């Protein structure tokens, strides 16, 4: 009976972890909407909302950009509460110390993320927004890892991770490429220069863009005719790095897939019952 009760507790813990991961994904999408619509400062104060306790801000005032920013804050608060519950639950029922540490790390990360979001509003610094965006992706990955390691299929996943040093290296390298790509994308977005290059796959008609002062002046003159803001050479090269990063990510993912097939490992098979 005790083993059955433990199994049920583990099952509900895993479901709760996946629910927290889904809520986190929703939060990231909400944050993306705030950035895309340029309404991150629609609410100028924090942690209050126009002087109100954010949980009691009148619904009638949820209009325009305020709707997106205030909704993002409420979802963030919900994710914070869910994460703290998850961390406490893990600490109480999971016998694996390293999993409990993951829970504590998630709790610390969600608190830091909330503080960064608030500082982005009060200090008006894009650099904080970039770090806020990068931490959001890392936090989401951490919650997904917790959901995986609390699932019944974790042994299959562990077998995938442990069956060969080369596959582990490929996994880590590819993950690094993906995170670097996310950081580059966040930097572009928070500098409001995600359209520093207006054509694709070339860059202003060239595979390797000319970013000499004369070329930049010509590019900005052409951008002025279509009411786009000026760009610098650094912003163009940042977008070129982002494009090159996409190639590295694609190579890494294909490399991992082919290596897993060669070793007769199907990573998704063990996850299908998660």
C-alpha atoms as a PDB file:
ATOM      1  CA  UNK A   1       0.000   0.000   0.000  1.00  0.00           C
ATOM      2  CA  UNK A   2       2.837   2.345   0.846  1.00  0.00           C
ATOM      3  CA  UNK A   3       4.446   1.772  -2.561  1.00  0.00           C
ATOM      4  CA  UNK A   4       1.115   2.451  -4.296  1.00  0.00           C
ATOM      5  CA  UNK A   5       0.673   5.697  -2.358  1.00  0.00           C
ATOM      6  CA  UNK A   6       4.235   6.743  -3.221  1.00  0.00           C
ATOM      7  CA  UNK A   7       3.602   5.932  -6.888  1.00  0.00           C
ATOM      8  CA  UNK A   8       0.459   8.084  -6.915  1.00  0.00           C
ATOM      9  CA  UNK A   9       2.286  10.940  -5.207  1.00  0.00           C
ATOM     10  CA  UNK A  10       5.067  10.725  -7.786  1.00  0.00           C
ATOM     11  CA  UNK A  11       2.509  10.685 -10.600  1.00  0.00           C
ATOM     12  CA  UNK A  12       0.767  13.817  -9.335  1.00  0.00           C
ATOM     13  CA  UNK A  13       4.106  15.514  -8.706  1.00  0.00           C
ATOM     14  CA  UNK A  14       5.103  14.842 -12.300  1.00  0.00           C
ATOM     15  CA  UNK A  15       1.785  16.156 -13.597  1.00  0.00           C
ATOM     16  CA  UNK A  16       2.193  19.284 -11.521  1.00  0.00           C
ATOM     17  CA  UNK A  17       5.714  19.753 -12.889  1.00  0.00           C
ATOM     18  CA  UNK A  18       4.418  19.520 -16.459  1.00  0.00           C
ATOM     19  CA  UNK A  19       1.621  21.960 -15.630  1.00  0.00           C
ATOM     20  CA  UNK A  20       4.240  24.385 -14.284  1.00  0.00           C
ATOM     21  CA  UNK A  21       6.257  23.938 -17.483  1.00  0.00           C
ATOM     22  CA  UNK A  22       3.154  24.723 -19.573  1.00  0.00           C
ATOM     23  CA  UNK A  23       2.468  27.837 -17.481  1.00  0.00           C
ATOM     24  CA  UNK A  24       6.096  28.900 -17.963  1.00  0.00           C
ATOM     25  CA  UNK A  25       5.783  28.490 -21.731  1.00  0.00           C
ATOM     26  CA  UNK A  26       2.653  30.645 -21.629  1.00  0.00           C
ATOM     27  CA  UNK A  27       4.602  33.226 -19.629  1.00  0.00           C
ATOM     28  CA  UNK A  28       7.410  33.304 -22.210  1.00  0.00           C
ATOM     29  CA  UNK A  29       4.865  33.772 -25.010  1.00  0.00           C
ATOM     30  CA  UNK A  30       3.275  36.585 -23.021  1.00  0.00           C
ATOM     31  CA  UNK A  31       6.659  38.236 -22.537  1.00  0.00           C
ATOM     32  CA  UNK A  32       7.307  37.931 -26.265  1.00  0.00           C
ATOM     33  CA  UNK A  33       4.039  39.741 -26.952  1.00  0.00           C
ATOM     34  CA  UNK A  34       5.031  42.547 -24.586  1.00  0.00           C
ATOM     35  CA  UNK A  35       8.365  43.009 -26.381  1.00  0.00           C
ATOM     36  CA  UNK A  36       6.917  42.662 -29.890  1.00  0.00           C
ATOM     37  CA  UNK A  37       4.262  45.282 -29.220  1.00  0.00           C
ATOM     38  CA  UNK A  38       6.734  47.580 -27.459  1.00  0.00           C
ATOM     39  CA  UNK A  39       4.564  47.904 -24.366  1.00  0.00           C
ATOM     40  CA  UNK A  40       7.054  46.865 -21.701  1.00  0.00           C
ATOM     41  CA  UNK A  41       6.710  50.273 -20.047  1.00  0.00           C
ATOM     42  CA  UNK A  42       2.944  50.583 -20.462  1.00  0.00           C
ATOM     43  CA  UNK A  43       2.828  50.187 -16.675  1.00  0.00           C
ATOM     44  CA  UNK A  44       5.496  52.547 -15.298  1.00  0.00           C
ATOM     45  CA  UNK A  45       5.649  51.293 -11.689  1.00  0.00           C
ATOM     46  CA  UNK A  46       6.526  47.993 -10.004  1.00  0.00           C
ATOM     47  CA  UNK A  47       5.558  45.921  -8.033  1.00  0.00           C
ATOM     48  CA  UNK A  48       2.376  47.984  -8.040  1.00  0.00           C
ATOM     49  CA  UNK A  49       0.312  48.755 -11.143  1.00  0.00           C
ATOM     50  CA  UNK A  50      -0.472  52.468 -11.358  1.00  0.00           C
ATOM     51  CA  UNK A  51      -0.360  52.510  -7.570  1.00  0.00           C
ATOM     52  CA  UNK A  52      -2.714  49.543  -7.169  1.00  0.00           C
ATOM     53  CA  UNK A  53      -1.839  46.173  -5.729  1.00  0.00           C
ATOM     54  CA  UNK A  54      -1.376  44.333  -9.022  1.00  0.00           C
ATOM     55  CA  UNK A  55      -3.876  41.642  -8.011  1.00  0.00           C
ATOM     56  CA  UNK A  56      -6.595  44.238  -7.450  1.00  0.00           C
ATOM     57  CA  UNK A  57      -5.978  46.445 -10.469  1.00  0.00           C
ATOM     58  CA  UNK A  58      -9.456  47.253 -11.924  1.00  0.00           C
ATOM     59  CA  UNK A  59     -10.291  45.131 -14.949  1.00  0.00           C
ATOM     60  CA  UNK A  60     -11.832  48.169 -16.645  1.00  0.00           C
ATOM     61  CA  UNK A  61      -8.347  49.671 -16.909  1.00  0.00           C
ATOM     62  CA  UNK A  62      -6.887  46.666 -18.759  1.00  0.00           C
ATOM     63  CA  UNK A  63      -6.747  48.477 -22.088  1.00  0.00           C
ATOM     64  CA  UNK A  64      -4.192  48.842 -24.885  1.00  0.00           C
ATOM     65  CA  UNK A  65      -0.612  48.030 -23.950  1.00  0.00           C
ATOM     66  CA  UNK A  66      -1.565  47.904 -20.272  1.00  0.00           C
ATOM     67  CA  UNK A  67      -3.476  44.676 -20.975  1.00  0.00           C
ATOM     68  CA  UNK A  68      -0.386  42.862 -22.274  1.00  0.00           C
ATOM     69  CA  UNK A  69       2.014  44.140 -19.605  1.00  0.00           C
ATOM     70  CA  UNK A  70      -0.368  43.604 -16.685  1.00  0.00           C
ATOM     71  CA  UNK A  71      -1.376  40.137 -17.915  1.00  0.00           C
ATOM     72  CA  UNK A  72       2.318  39.251 -18.170  1.00  0.00           C
ATOM     73  CA  UNK A  73       2.811  40.274 -14.539  1.00  0.00           C
ATOM     74  CA  UNK A  74      -0.126  38.177 -13.365  1.00  0.00           C
ATOM     75  CA  UNK A  75       1.051  35.098 -15.279  1.00  0.00           C
ATOM     76  CA  UNK A  76       4.547  35.636 -13.866  1.00  0.00           C
ATOM     77  CA  UNK A  77       3.150  35.753 -10.336  1.00  0.00           C
ATOM     78  CA  UNK A  78       1.261  32.521 -10.982  1.00  0.00           C
ATOM     79  CA  UNK A  79       4.392  30.804 -12.306  1.00  0.00           C
ATOM     80  CA  UNK A  80       6.312  32.007  -9.271  1.00  0.00           C
ATOM     81  CA  UNK A  81       3.738  30.486  -6.912  1.00  0.00           C
ATOM     82  CA  UNK A  82       3.643  27.216  -8.873  1.00  0.00           C
ATOM     83  CA  UNK A  83       7.453  26.988  -8.827  1.00  0.00           C
ATOM     84  CA  UNK A  84       7.689  27.511  -5.077  1.00  0.00           C
ATOM     85  CA  UNK A  85       5.030  24.824  -4.517  1.00  0.00           C
ATOM     86  CA  UNK A  86       6.957  22.502  -6.835  1.00  0.00           C
ATOM     87  CA  UNK A  87      10.235  23.139  -5.000  1.00  0.00           C
ATOM     88  CA  UNK A  88       8.662  22.421  -1.596  1.00  0.00           C
ATOM     89  CA  UNK A  89       6.917  19.309  -2.943  1.00  0.00           C
ATOM     90  CA  UNK A  90      10.180  17.969  -4.349  1.00  0.00           C
ATOM     91  CA  UNK A  91      11.971  18.652  -1.078  1.00  0.00           C
ATOM     92  CA  UNK A  92       9.348  16.742   0.899  1.00  0.00           C
ATOM     93  CA  UNK A  93       8.836  13.647  -1.266  1.00  0.00           C
ATOM     94  CA  UNK A  94      11.743  13.096  -3.661  1.00  0.00           C
ATOM     95  CA  UNK A  95      14.556  11.015  -2.132  1.00  0.00           C
ATOM     96  CA  UNK A  96      17.139  12.160  -4.695  1.00  0.00           C
ATOM     97  CA  UNK A  97      19.180  15.034  -3.312  1.00  0.00           C
ATOM     98  CA  UNK A  98      20.154  16.365  -6.743  1.00  0.00           C
ATOM     99  CA  UNK A  99      16.500  16.589  -7.785  1.00  0.00           C
ATOM    100  CA  UNK A 100      15.676  18.519  -4.607  1.00  0.00           C
ATOM    101  CA  UNK A 101      18.556  20.866  -5.441  1.00  0.00           C
ATOM    102  CA  UNK A 102      17.013  21.397  -8.884  1.00  0.00           C
ATOM    103  CA  UNK A 103      13.802  22.430  -7.157  1.00  0.00           C
ATOM    104  CA  UNK A 104      15.638  24.930  -4.962  1.00  0.00           C
ATOM    105  CA  UNK A 105      17.467  26.277  -8.015  1.00  0.00           C
ATOM    106  CA  UNK A 106      14.140  26.730  -9.807  1.00  0.00           C
ATOM    107  CA  UNK A 107      12.719  28.621  -6.839  1.00  0.00           C
ATOM    108  CA  UNK A 108      15.768  30.922  -6.700  1.00  0.00           C
ATOM    109  CA  UNK A 109      15.660  31.455 -10.465  1.00  0.00           C
ATOM    110  CA  UNK A 110      11.989  32.440 -10.526  1.00  0.00           C
ATOM    111  CA  UNK A 111      12.547  34.974  -7.724  1.00  0.00           C
ATOM    112  CA  UNK A 112      15.557  36.434  -9.555  1.00  0.00           C
ATOM    113  CA  UNK A 113      13.532  36.546 -12.764  1.00  0.00           C
ATOM    114  CA  UNK A 114      10.761  38.511 -11.072  1.00  0.00           C
ATOM    115  CA  UNK A 115      13.253  41.008  -9.638  1.00  0.00           C
ATOM    116  CA  UNK A 116      14.889  41.441 -13.054  1.00  0.00           C
ATOM    117  CA  UNK A 117      11.493  42.078 -14.636  1.00  0.00           C
ATOM    118  CA  UNK A 118      10.807  44.775 -12.074  1.00  0.00           C
ATOM    119  CA  UNK A 119      14.233  46.379 -12.473  1.00  0.00           C
ATOM    120  CA  UNK A 120      13.736  46.472 -16.238  1.00  0.00           C
ATOM    121  CA  UNK A 121      10.729  48.726 -15.612  1.00  0.00           C
ATOM    122  CA  UNK A 122      12.222  50.931 -12.905  1.00  0.00           C
ATOM    123  CA  UNK A 123      15.772  51.304 -14.290  1.00  0.00           C
ATOM    124  CA  UNK A 124      14.891  51.505 -18.014  1.00  0.00           C
ATOM    125  CA  UNK A 125      17.927  49.466 -19.114  1.00  0.00           C
ATOM    126  CA  UNK A 126      17.817  47.211 -22.193  1.00  0.00           C
ATOM    127  CA  UNK A 127      20.727  45.164 -20.786  1.00  0.00           C
ATOM    128  CA  UNK A 128      18.481  43.975 -17.953  1.00  0.00           C
ATOM    129  CA  UNK A 129      15.842  43.019 -20.519  1.00  0.00           C
ATOM    130  CA  UNK A 130      18.373  40.888 -22.409  1.00  0.00           C
ATOM    131  CA  UNK A 131      19.397  39.019 -19.260  1.00  0.00           C
ATOM    132  CA  UNK A 132      15.721  38.706 -18.279  1.00  0.00           C
ATOM    133  CA  UNK A 133      14.953  37.054 -21.625  1.00  0.00           C
ATOM    134  CA  UNK A 134      17.927  34.674 -21.440  1.00  0.00           C
ATOM    135  CA  UNK A 135      17.122  33.618 -17.890  1.00  0.00           C
ATOM    136  CA  UNK A 136      13.507  32.958 -18.917  1.00  0.00           C
ATOM    137  CA  UNK A 137      14.651  30.358 -21.457  1.00  0.00           C
ATOM    138  CA  UNK A 138      17.048  28.734 -18.986  1.00  0.00           C
ATOM    139  CA  UNK A 139      14.328  28.641 -16.329  1.00  0.00           C
ATOM    140  CA  UNK A 140      11.904  27.002 -18.752  1.00  0.00           C
ATOM    141  CA  UNK A 141      14.529  24.378 -19.578  1.00  0.00           C
ATOM    142  CA  UNK A 142      15.090  23.742 -15.867  1.00  0.00           C
ATOM    143  CA  UNK A 143      11.365  23.187 -15.249  1.00  0.00           C
ATOM    144  CA  UNK A 144      11.176  20.792 -18.199  1.00  0.00           C
ATOM    145  CA  UNK A 145      14.178  18.878 -16.794  1.00  0.00           C
ATOM    146  CA  UNK A 146      12.397  18.592 -13.434  1.00  0.00           C
ATOM    147  CA  UNK A 147       9.290  17.308 -15.207  1.00  0.00           C
ATOM    148  CA  UNK A 148      11.384  14.717 -17.045  1.00  0.00           C
ATOM    149  CA  UNK A 149      13.337  13.436 -14.032  1.00  0.00           C
ATOM    150  CA  UNK A 150      10.132  13.012 -12.015  1.00  0.00           C
ATOM    151  CA  UNK A 151       8.504  10.930 -14.764  1.00  0.00           C
ATOM    152  CA  UNK A 152       8.308   7.159 -14.906  1.00  0.00           C
ATOM    153  CA  UNK A 153      10.170   7.214 -18.210  1.00  0.00           C
ATOM    154  CA  UNK A 154      13.262   8.859 -16.701  1.00  0.00           C
ATOM    155  CA  UNK A 155      15.181   5.590 -16.734  1.00  0.00           C
ATOM    156  CA  UNK A 156      14.838   5.451 -20.498  1.00  0.00           C
ATOM    157  CA  UNK A 157      16.000   9.050 -20.767  1.00  0.00           C
ATOM    158  CA  UNK A 158      18.921   8.303 -18.441  1.00  0.00           C
ATOM    159  CA  UNK A 159      19.868   5.396 -20.649  1.00  0.00           C
ATOM    160  CA  UNK A 160      19.962   7.725 -23.646  1.00  0.00           C
ATOM    161  CA  UNK A 161      22.160  10.171 -21.765  1.00  0.00           C
ATOM    162  CA  UNK A 162      24.482   7.525 -20.443  1.00  0.00           C
ATOM    163  CA  UNK A 163      25.077   5.299 -23.435  1.00  0.00           C
ATOM    164  CA  UNK A 164      28.175   6.813 -24.885  1.00  0.00           C
ATOM    165  CA  UNK A 165      30.443   9.718 -24.154  1.00  0.00           C
ATOM    166  CA  UNK A 166      30.303  11.058 -27.709  1.00  0.00           C
ATOM    167  CA  UNK A 167      26.524  11.438 -27.627  1.00  0.00           C
ATOM    168  CA  UNK A 168      26.725  13.346 -24.335  1.00  0.00           C
ATOM    169  CA  UNK A 169      29.295  15.716 -25.836  1.00  0.00           C
ATOM    170  CA  UNK A 170      27.143  16.293 -28.919  1.00  0.00           C
ATOM    171  CA  UNK A 171      24.137  16.981 -26.686  1.00  0.00           C
ATOM    172  CA  UNK A 172      26.012  19.516 -24.571  1.00  0.00           C
ATOM    173  CA  UNK A 173      27.550  21.270 -27.577  1.00  0.00           C
ATOM    174  CA  UNK A 174      24.213  21.494 -29.378  1.00  0.00           C
ATOM    175  CA  UNK A 175      22.509  22.794 -26.241  1.00  0.00           C
ATOM    176  CA  UNK A 176      25.220  25.435 -25.964  1.00  0.00           C
ATOM    177  CA  UNK A 177      24.621  26.492 -29.579  1.00  0.00           C
ATOM    178  CA  UNK A 178      20.877  26.748 -28.952  1.00  0.00           C
ATOM    179  CA  UNK A 179      21.325  28.879 -25.854  1.00  0.00           C
ATOM    180  CA  UNK A 180      23.826  31.137 -27.605  1.00  0.00           C
ATOM    181  CA  UNK A 181      21.320  31.560 -30.410  1.00  0.00           C
ATOM    182  CA  UNK A 182      18.633  32.528 -27.891  1.00  0.00           C
ATOM    183  CA  UNK A 183      20.980  35.083 -26.322  1.00  0.00           C
ATOM    184  CA  UNK A 184      21.761  36.611 -29.722  1.00  0.00           C
ATOM    185  CA  UNK A 185      18.062  36.792 -30.553  1.00  0.00           C
ATOM    186  CA  UNK A 186      17.257  38.419 -27.216  1.00  0.00           C
ATOM    187  CA  UNK A 187      20.008  40.989 -27.748  1.00  0.00           C
ATOM    188  CA  UNK A 188      18.643  41.858 -31.193  1.00  0.00           C
ATOM    189  CA  UNK A 189      15.080  42.211 -29.929  1.00  0.00           C
ATOM    190  CA  UNK A 190      15.916  44.330 -26.918  1.00  0.00           C
ATOM    191  CA  UNK A 191      18.083  46.593 -29.040  1.00  0.00           C
ATOM    192  CA  UNK A 192      15.064  46.860 -31.377  1.00  0.00           C
ATOM    193  CA  UNK A 193      17.246  45.884 -34.308  1.00  0.00           C
ATOM    194  CA  UNK A 194      15.806  42.527 -35.376  1.00  0.00           C
ATOM    195  CA  UNK A 195      15.455  44.031 -38.879  1.00  0.00           C
ATOM    196  CA  UNK A 196      18.992  45.392 -39.094  1.00  0.00           C
ATOM    197  CA  UNK A 197      19.182  43.405 -42.355  1.00  0.00           C
ATOM    198  CA  UNK A 198      16.138  43.691 -44.575  1.00  0.00           C
ATOM    199  CA  UNK A 199      16.786  40.848 -47.053  1.00  0.00           C
ATOM    200  CA  UNK A 200      17.380  37.095 -46.772  1.00  0.00           C
ATOM    201  CA  UNK A 201      19.390  34.924 -47.292  1.00  0.00           C
ATOM    202  CA  UNK A 202      21.729  37.675 -48.508  1.00  0.00           C
ATOM    203  CA  UNK A 203      22.559  40.816 -46.517  1.00  0.00           C
ATOM    204  CA  UNK A 204      21.850  43.920 -48.544  1.00  0.00           C
ATOM    205  CA  UNK A 205      22.482  41.890 -51.681  1.00  0.00           C
ATOM    206  CA  UNK A 206      25.743  40.319 -50.502  1.00  0.00           C
ATOM    207  CA  UNK A 207      26.612  37.093 -48.715  1.00  0.00           C
ATOM    208  CA  UNK A 208      29.192  38.967 -46.628  1.00  0.00           C
ATOM    209  CA  UNK A 209      27.885  42.496 -46.012  1.00  0.00           C
ATOM    210  CA  UNK A 210      30.012  45.566 -46.630  1.00  0.00           C
ATOM    211  CA  UNK A 211      29.952  47.548 -43.393  1.00  0.00           C
ATOM    212  CA  UNK A 212      32.406  50.276 -44.268  1.00  0.00           C
ATOM    213  CA  UNK A 213      31.320  53.828 -43.301  1.00  0.00           C
ATOM    214  CA  UNK A 214      30.377  54.595 -46.918  1.00  0.00           C
ATOM    215  CA  UNK A 215      28.316  51.400 -47.205  1.00  0.00           C
ATOM    216  CA  UNK A 216      26.538  52.046 -43.891  1.00  0.00           C
ATOM    217  CA  UNK A 217      25.665  55.570 -45.028  1.00  0.00           C
ATOM    218  CA  UNK A 218      24.210  54.166 -48.245  1.00  0.00           C
ATOM    219  CA  UNK A 219      22.264  51.492 -46.341  1.00  0.00           C
ATOM    220  CA  UNK A 220      20.795  54.049 -43.930  1.00  0.00           C
ATOM    221  CA  UNK A 221      19.833  56.350 -46.791  1.00  0.00           C
ATOM    222  CA  UNK A 222      17.892  53.462 -48.353  1.00  0.00           C
ATOM    223  CA  UNK A 223      16.290  52.623 -45.010  1.00  0.00           C
ATOM    224  CA  UNK A 224      15.186  56.229 -44.602  1.00  0.00           C
ATOM    225  CA  UNK A 225      13.142  55.939 -47.785  1.00  0.00           C
ATOM    226  CA  UNK A 226      11.065  53.161 -46.233  1.00  0.00           C
ATOM    227  CA  UNK A 227      10.802  54.853 -42.820  1.00  0.00           C
ATOM    228  CA  UNK A 228      13.152  52.457 -41.025  1.00  0.00           C
ATOM    229  CA  UNK A 229      15.584  53.599 -38.344  1.00  0.00           C
ATOM    230  CA  UNK A 230      19.323  53.743 -38.978  1.00  0.00           C
ATOM    231  CA  UNK A 231      21.594  50.825 -38.172  1.00  0.00           C
ATOM    232  CA  UNK A 232      25.261  50.485 -37.305  1.00  0.00           C
ATOM    233  CA  UNK A 233      27.851  48.009 -38.512  1.00  0.00           C
ATOM    234  CA  UNK A 234      27.767  46.264 -35.115  1.00  0.00           C
ATOM    235  CA  UNK A 235      24.006  45.710 -35.391  1.00  0.00           C
ATOM    236  CA  UNK A 236      24.366  44.233 -38.871  1.00  0.00           C
ATOM    237  CA  UNK A 237      27.092  41.867 -37.706  1.00  0.00           C
ATOM    238  CA  UNK A 238      24.995  40.897 -34.701  1.00  0.00           C
ATOM    239  CA  UNK A 239      22.252  39.739 -37.055  1.00  0.00           C
ATOM    240  CA  UNK A 240      24.814  37.954 -39.224  1.00  0.00           C
ATOM    241  CA  UNK A 241      26.031  36.121 -36.090  1.00  0.00           C
ATOM    242  CA  UNK A 242      22.424  35.155 -35.383  1.00  0.00           C
ATOM    243  CA  UNK A 243      22.087  33.713 -38.890  1.00  0.00           C
ATOM    244  CA  UNK A 244      25.358  31.807 -38.527  1.00  0.00           C
ATOM    245  CA  UNK A 245      24.157  30.545 -35.142  1.00  0.00           C
ATOM    246  CA  UNK A 246      21.040  29.133 -36.793  1.00  0.00           C
ATOM    247  CA  UNK A 247      23.272  27.100 -39.115  1.00  0.00           C
ATOM    248  CA  UNK A 248      25.258  25.759 -36.143  1.00  0.00           C
ATOM    249  CA  UNK A 249      22.051  24.783 -34.346  1.00  0.00           C
ATOM    250  CA  UNK A 250      20.756  22.945 -37.418  1.00  0.00           C
ATOM    251  CA  UNK A 251      24.058  21.077 -37.795  1.00  0.00           C
ATOM    252  CA  UNK A 252      24.066  20.173 -34.095  1.00  0.00           C
ATOM    253  CA  UNK A 253      20.488  18.855 -34.115  1.00  0.00           C
ATOM    254  CA  UNK A 254      21.081  16.768 -37.260  1.00  0.00           C
ATOM    255  CA  UNK A 255      24.392  15.537 -35.829  1.00  0.00           C
ATOM    256  CA  UNK A 256      22.667  14.451 -32.616  1.00  0.00           C
ATOM    257  CA  UNK A 257      19.842  12.719 -34.496  1.00  0.00           C
ATOM    258  CA  UNK A 258      22.225  10.765 -36.753  1.00  0.00           C
ATOM    259  CA  UNK A 259      24.439   9.809 -33.796  1.00  0.00           C
ATOM    260  CA  UNK A 260      21.424   8.581 -31.815  1.00  0.00           C
ATOM    261  CA  UNK A 261      20.265   6.520 -34.786  1.00  0.00           C
ATOM    262  CA  UNK A 262      23.729   5.048 -35.231  1.00  0.00           C
ATOM    263  CA  UNK A 263      23.766   3.914 -31.608  1.00  0.00           C
ATOM    264  CA  UNK A 264      20.198   2.612 -31.975  1.00  0.00           C
ATOM    265  CA  UNK A 265      18.854   5.157 -29.512  1.00  0.00           C
ATOM    266  CA  UNK A 266      15.496   6.831 -29.989  1.00  0.00           C
ATOM    267  CA  UNK A 267      15.353   9.692 -27.486  1.00  0.00           C
ATOM    268  CA  UNK A 268      11.654  10.341 -28.023  1.00  0.00           C
ATOM    269  CA  UNK A 269      10.591   6.769 -27.382  1.00  0.00           C
ATOM    270  CA  UNK A 270      11.362   7.014 -23.688  1.00  0.00           C
ATOM    271  CA  UNK A 271       9.497  10.314 -23.434  1.00  0.00           C
ATOM    272  CA  UNK A 272       6.273   9.127 -25.028  1.00  0.00           C
ATOM    273  CA  UNK A 273       4.912   7.893 -21.684  1.00  0.00           C
ATOM    274  CA  UNK A 274       6.069  10.905 -19.664  1.00  0.00           C
END
